[in-house]
Amino acid sequence: MTSLFKIAAVLAVICGAPVAAQTDEGQTNEGPEPTNSVSIQLNAMKEGDNSCALTFLVVNGFAEPIDKVVYETVLFDDDGQVDRLTLFDFGTLPPGRPRVRQFSVGGMSCANLGQILINGSHTCEAAGLEEGACEKDLKLDTRTDVEVIG
């Protein structure tokens, strides 16, 4: 990226204008390419009053919006035993735009949470997407010490 383009990009961010990034081949890229999958990242955990708040960053990598997605989620304690099976409603997900969703899990300490299993999609309402799209090639990640698997 040239110095002039870097300056233009910084000014555009400050001014709020969209910028198209230029690749090495000279092509422009105005946004992320569709991945045809949903990605979920456990971004943060925060201890509450007899609860643990789990904060997720979720991105719909499809070209079409997802009207409603609910994932069946299994929470394991730090000994590897199932603590509970629950449903996390991630709601509406526009294409290609990150969304943050937070779930408060009552009766659980964040320190006792050992692993999260995304067991599959309980609900996946999305016109134009094939059945099972919300769990096909699901990409899972964490920024915490708690492993997220699926």
C-alpha atoms as a PDB file:
ATOM      1  CA  MET A   1       0.000   0.000   0.000  1.00  0.00           C
ATOM      2  CA  THR A   2       1.505   3.362  -0.986  1.00  0.00           C
ATOM      3  CA  SER A   3       1.982   6.155   1.525  1.00  0.00           C
ATOM      4  CA  LEU A   4      -0.527   8.337  -0.311  1.00  0.00           C
ATOM      5  CA  PHE A   5      -3.158   5.586  -0.145  1.00  0.00           C
ATOM      6  CA  LYS A   6      -2.467   5.084   3.576  1.00  0.00           C
ATOM      7  CA  ILE A   7      -3.022   8.801   4.196  1.00  0.00           C
ATOM      8  CA  ALA A   8      -6.227   8.752   2.135  1.00  0.00           C
ATOM      9  CA  ALA A   9      -7.470   5.714   4.052  1.00  0.00           C
ATOM     10  CA  VAL A  10      -6.793   7.370   7.415  1.00  0.00           C
ATOM     11  CA  LEU A  11      -8.542  10.562   6.319  1.00  0.00           C
ATOM     12  CA  ALA A  12     -11.507   8.601   5.014  1.00  0.00           C
ATOM     13  CA  VAL A  13     -11.845   6.760   8.334  1.00  0.00           C
ATOM     14  CA  ILE A  14     -11.676  10.034  10.249  1.00  0.00           C
ATOM     15  CA  CYS A  15     -14.237  11.625   7.947  1.00  0.00           C
ATOM     16  CA  GLY A  16     -16.420   8.511   7.838  1.00  0.00           C
ATOM     17  CA  ALA A  17     -16.161   7.940   4.093  1.00  0.00           C
ATOM     18  CA  PRO A  18     -15.899   4.390   2.709  1.00  0.00           C
ATOM     19  CA  VAL A  19     -12.604   3.427   1.117  1.00  0.00           C
ATOM     20  CA  ALA A  20     -11.906   0.683  -1.378  1.00  0.00           C
ATOM     21  CA  ALA A  21      -8.661  -1.132  -0.624  1.00  0.00           C
ATOM     22  CA  GLN A  22      -6.355  -1.838  -3.546  1.00  0.00           C
ATOM     23  CA  THR A  23      -4.779  -5.266  -3.838  1.00  0.00           C
ATOM     24  CA  ASP A  24      -1.322  -5.993  -5.227  1.00  0.00           C
ATOM     25  CA  GLU A  25      -2.894  -6.802  -8.598  1.00  0.00           C
ATOM     26  CA  GLY A  26      -4.507  -3.352  -8.753  1.00  0.00           C
ATOM     27  CA  GLN A  27      -8.030  -4.650  -8.135  1.00  0.00           C
ATOM     28  CA  THR A  28     -10.226  -2.928  -5.583  1.00  0.00           C
ATOM     29  CA  ASN A  29     -11.902  -4.690  -2.700  1.00  0.00           C
ATOM     30  CA  GLU A  30     -14.854  -2.869  -1.182  1.00  0.00           C
ATOM     31  CA  GLY A  31     -15.650  -5.435   1.501  1.00  0.00           C
ATOM     32  CA  PRO A  32     -15.103  -8.960   2.667  1.00  0.00           C
ATOM     33  CA  GLU A  33     -15.677 -11.718   0.165  1.00  0.00           C
ATOM     34  CA  PRO A  34     -18.537 -14.044   1.088  1.00  0.00           C
ATOM     35  CA  THR A  35     -17.290 -17.139   2.921  1.00  0.00           C
ATOM     36  CA  ASN A  36     -20.614 -18.981   2.621  1.00  0.00           C
ATOM     37  CA  SER A  37     -20.517 -19.754   6.325  1.00  0.00           C
ATOM     38  CA  VAL A  38     -21.251 -18.212   9.691  1.00  0.00           C
ATOM     39  CA  SER A  39     -18.359 -17.400  12.011  1.00  0.00           C
ATOM     40  CA  ILE A  40     -18.752 -17.162  15.769  1.00  0.00           C
ATOM     41  CA  GLN A  41     -16.069 -15.934  18.120  1.00  0.00           C
ATOM     42  CA  LEU A  42     -16.299 -16.026  21.918  1.00  0.00           C
ATOM     43  CA  ASN A  43     -14.913 -12.546  22.354  1.00  0.00           C
ATOM     44  CA  ALA A  44     -15.216 -11.928  26.101  1.00  0.00           C
ATOM     45  CA  MET A  45     -16.565 -13.259  29.376  1.00  0.00           C
ATOM     46  CA  LYS A  46     -17.554 -11.144  32.351  1.00  0.00           C
ATOM     47  CA  GLU A  47     -18.492 -12.281  35.839  1.00  0.00           C
ATOM     48  CA  GLY A  48     -21.841 -10.978  37.086  1.00  0.00           C
ATOM     49  CA  ASP A  49     -24.019 -11.474  40.142  1.00  0.00           C
ATOM     50  CA  ASN A  50     -24.286 -15.278  40.172  1.00  0.00           C
ATOM     51  CA  SER A  51     -23.940 -15.299  36.372  1.00  0.00           C
ATOM     52  CA  CYS A  52     -21.450 -15.276  33.535  1.00  0.00           C
ATOM     53  CA  ALA A  53     -21.953 -12.924  30.579  1.00  0.00           C
ATOM     54  CA  LEU A  54     -20.664 -14.448  27.341  1.00  0.00           C
ATOM     55  CA  THR A  55     -20.034 -11.985  24.535  1.00  0.00           C
ATOM     56  CA  PHE A  56     -19.842 -13.302  20.973  1.00  0.00           C
ATOM     57  CA  LEU A  57     -18.782 -11.639  17.732  1.00  0.00           C
ATOM     58  CA  VAL A  58     -20.737 -13.230  14.881  1.00  0.00           C
ATOM     59  CA  VAL A  59     -20.482 -12.670  11.125  1.00  0.00           C
ATOM     60  CA  ASN A  60     -22.844 -13.907   8.424  1.00  0.00           C
ATOM     61  CA  GLY A  61     -20.496 -14.773   5.566  1.00  0.00           C
ATOM     62  CA  PHE A  62     -23.334 -15.408   3.103  1.00  0.00           C
ATOM     63  CA  ALA A  63     -24.437 -12.909   0.466  1.00  0.00           C
ATOM     64  CA  GLU A  64     -28.009 -13.170   1.808  1.00  0.00           C
ATOM     65  CA  PRO A  65     -29.284 -12.013   5.208  1.00  0.00           C
ATOM     66  CA  ILE A  66     -30.116 -14.514   7.915  1.00  0.00           C
ATOM     67  CA  ASP A  67     -33.475 -13.552   9.415  1.00  0.00           C
ATOM     68  CA  LYS A  68     -33.082 -15.625  12.574  1.00  0.00           C
ATOM     69  CA  VAL A  69     -30.496 -18.082  13.828  1.00  0.00           C
ATOM     70  CA  VAL A  70     -30.551 -19.951  17.130  1.00  0.00           C
ATOM     71  CA  TYR A  71     -27.723 -22.294  18.093  1.00  0.00           C
ATOM     72  CA  GLU A  72     -28.061 -25.217  20.478  1.00  0.00           C
ATOM     73  CA  THR A  73     -25.128 -24.712  22.825  1.00  0.00           C
ATOM     74  CA  VAL A  74     -23.611 -27.026  25.420  1.00  0.00           C
ATOM     75  CA  LEU A  75     -21.649 -25.520  28.308  1.00  0.00           C
ATOM     76  CA  PHE A  76     -19.071 -27.755  29.981  1.00  0.00           C
ATOM     77  CA  ASP A  77     -17.572 -27.051  33.392  1.00  0.00           C
ATOM     78  CA  ASP A  78     -13.821 -26.966  33.974  1.00  0.00           C
ATOM     79  CA  ASP A  79     -13.897 -30.721  34.784  1.00  0.00           C
ATOM     80  CA  GLY A  80     -15.302 -31.478  31.326  1.00  0.00           C
ATOM     81  CA  GLN A  81     -18.798 -32.372  32.508  1.00  0.00           C
ATOM     82  CA  VAL A  82     -21.916 -30.982  30.860  1.00  0.00           C
ATOM     83  CA  ASP A  83     -23.231 -28.119  32.979  1.00  0.00           C
ATOM     84  CA  ARG A  84     -26.198 -27.322  30.723  1.00  0.00           C
ATOM     85  CA  LEU A  85     -27.633 -27.407  27.264  1.00  0.00           C
ATOM     86  CA  THR A  86     -29.138 -24.097  26.181  1.00  0.00           C
ATOM     87  CA  LEU A  87     -30.270 -22.122  23.143  1.00  0.00           C
ATOM     88  CA  PHE A  88     -28.491 -18.912  22.137  1.00  0.00           C
ATOM     89  CA  ASP A  89     -30.610 -16.712  19.842  1.00  0.00           C
ATOM     90  CA  PHE A  90     -28.258 -14.686  17.644  1.00  0.00           C
ATOM     91  CA  GLY A  91     -31.232 -13.000  15.946  1.00  0.00           C
ATOM     92  CA  THR A  92     -30.930 -11.317  12.567  1.00  0.00           C
ATOM     93  CA  LEU A  93     -27.549 -11.295  10.830  1.00  0.00           C
ATOM     94  CA  PRO A  94     -27.011  -9.010   7.839  1.00  0.00           C
ATOM     95  CA  PRO A  95     -24.561 -10.296   5.218  1.00  0.00           C
ATOM     96  CA  GLY A  96     -20.883  -9.527   5.762  1.00  0.00           C
ATOM     97  CA  ARG A  97     -21.369  -7.287   8.805  1.00  0.00           C
ATOM     98  CA  PRO A  98     -20.127  -8.208  12.280  1.00  0.00           C
ATOM     99  CA  ARG A  99     -22.649  -8.279  15.119  1.00  0.00           C
ATOM    100  CA  VAL A 100     -22.086  -8.616  18.861  1.00  0.00           C
ATOM    101  CA  ARG A 101     -24.438 -10.769  20.908  1.00  0.00           C
ATOM    102  CA  GLN A 102     -24.288 -11.219  24.672  1.00  0.00           C
ATOM    103  CA  PHE A 103     -25.869 -13.966  26.756  1.00  0.00           C
ATOM    104  CA  SER A 104     -26.062 -14.002  30.540  1.00  0.00           C
ATOM    105  CA  VAL A 105     -25.834 -17.524  31.927  1.00  0.00           C
ATOM    106  CA  GLY A 106     -27.346 -17.582  35.406  1.00  0.00           C
ATOM    107  CA  GLY A 107     -25.994 -19.795  38.162  1.00  0.00           C
ATOM    108  CA  MET A 108     -22.619 -20.134  36.480  1.00  0.00           C
ATOM    109  CA  SER A 109     -19.258 -18.626  37.288  1.00  0.00           C
ATOM    110  CA  CYS A 110     -17.074 -17.734  34.302  1.00  0.00           C
ATOM    111  CA  ALA A 111     -14.138 -19.284  36.179  1.00  0.00           C
ATOM    112  CA  ASN A 112     -15.909 -22.668  36.123  1.00  0.00           C
ATOM    113  CA  LEU A 113     -16.649 -22.646  32.388  1.00  0.00           C
ATOM    114  CA  GLY A 114     -14.276 -25.008  30.618  1.00  0.00           C
ATOM    115  CA  GLN A 115     -15.578 -25.443  27.082  1.00  0.00           C
ATOM    116  CA  ILE A 116     -18.450 -24.450  24.792  1.00  0.00           C
ATOM    117  CA  LEU A 117     -19.857 -26.768  22.146  1.00  0.00           C
ATOM    118  CA  ILE A 118     -22.023 -25.328  19.374  1.00  0.00           C
ATOM    119  CA  ASN A 119     -24.115 -28.456  18.897  1.00  0.00           C
ATOM    120  CA  GLY A 120     -25.895 -27.234  15.746  1.00  0.00           C
ATOM    121  CA  SER A 121     -28.469 -24.745  14.608  1.00  0.00           C
ATOM    122  CA  HIS A 122     -31.860 -25.133  16.255  1.00  0.00           C
ATOM    123  CA  THR A 123     -33.351 -22.466  13.968  1.00  0.00           C
ATOM    124  CA  CYS A 124     -31.984 -21.084  10.713  1.00  0.00           C
ATOM    125  CA  GLU A 125     -34.389 -18.821   8.831  1.00  0.00           C
ATOM    126  CA  ALA A 126     -32.831 -17.405   5.712  1.00  0.00           C
ATOM    127  CA  ALA A 127     -34.588 -17.058   2.366  1.00  0.00           C
ATOM    128  CA  GLY A 128     -32.296 -18.110  -0.441  1.00  0.00           C
ATOM    129  CA  LEU A 129     -29.999 -20.286   1.673  1.00  0.00           C
ATOM    130  CA  GLU A 130     -29.994 -24.050   1.545  1.00  0.00           C
ATOM    131  CA  GLU A 131     -31.143 -26.070   4.539  1.00  0.00           C
ATOM    132  CA  GLY A 132     -28.379 -26.450   7.110  1.00  0.00           C
ATOM    133  CA  ALA A 133     -26.497 -23.395   5.841  1.00  0.00           C
ATOM    134  CA  CYS A 134     -26.179 -21.879   9.331  1.00  0.00           C
ATOM    135  CA  GLU A 135     -24.134 -24.842  10.553  1.00  0.00           C
ATOM    136  CA  LYS A 136     -22.357 -25.887   7.352  1.00  0.00           C
ATOM    137  CA  ASP A 137     -18.662 -24.974   7.569  1.00  0.00           C
ATOM    138  CA  LEU A 138     -19.328 -23.092  10.832  1.00  0.00           C
ATOM    139  CA  LYS A 139     -16.180 -21.212  11.816  1.00  0.00           C
ATOM    140  CA  LEU A 140     -15.517 -21.050  15.563  1.00  0.00           C
ATOM    141  CA  ASP A 141     -12.895 -19.090  17.457  1.00  0.00           C
ATOM    142  CA  THR A 142     -12.200 -17.665  20.896  1.00  0.00           C
ATOM    143  CA  ARG A 143     -10.312 -14.740  22.378  1.00  0.00           C
ATOM    144  CA  THR A 144     -10.633 -16.248  25.844  1.00  0.00           C
ATOM    145  CA  ASP A 145      -9.210 -19.257  27.679  1.00  0.00           C
ATOM    146  CA  VAL A 146     -12.441 -21.172  27.009  1.00  0.00           C
ATOM    147  CA  GLU A 147     -12.307 -23.446  23.972  1.00  0.00           C
ATOM    148  CA  VAL A 148     -15.214 -23.213  21.505  1.00  0.00           C
ATOM    149  CA  ILE A 149     -15.869 -26.311  19.404  1.00  0.00           C
ATOM    150  CA  GLY A 150     -18.588 -27.467  17.044  1.00  0.00           C
END
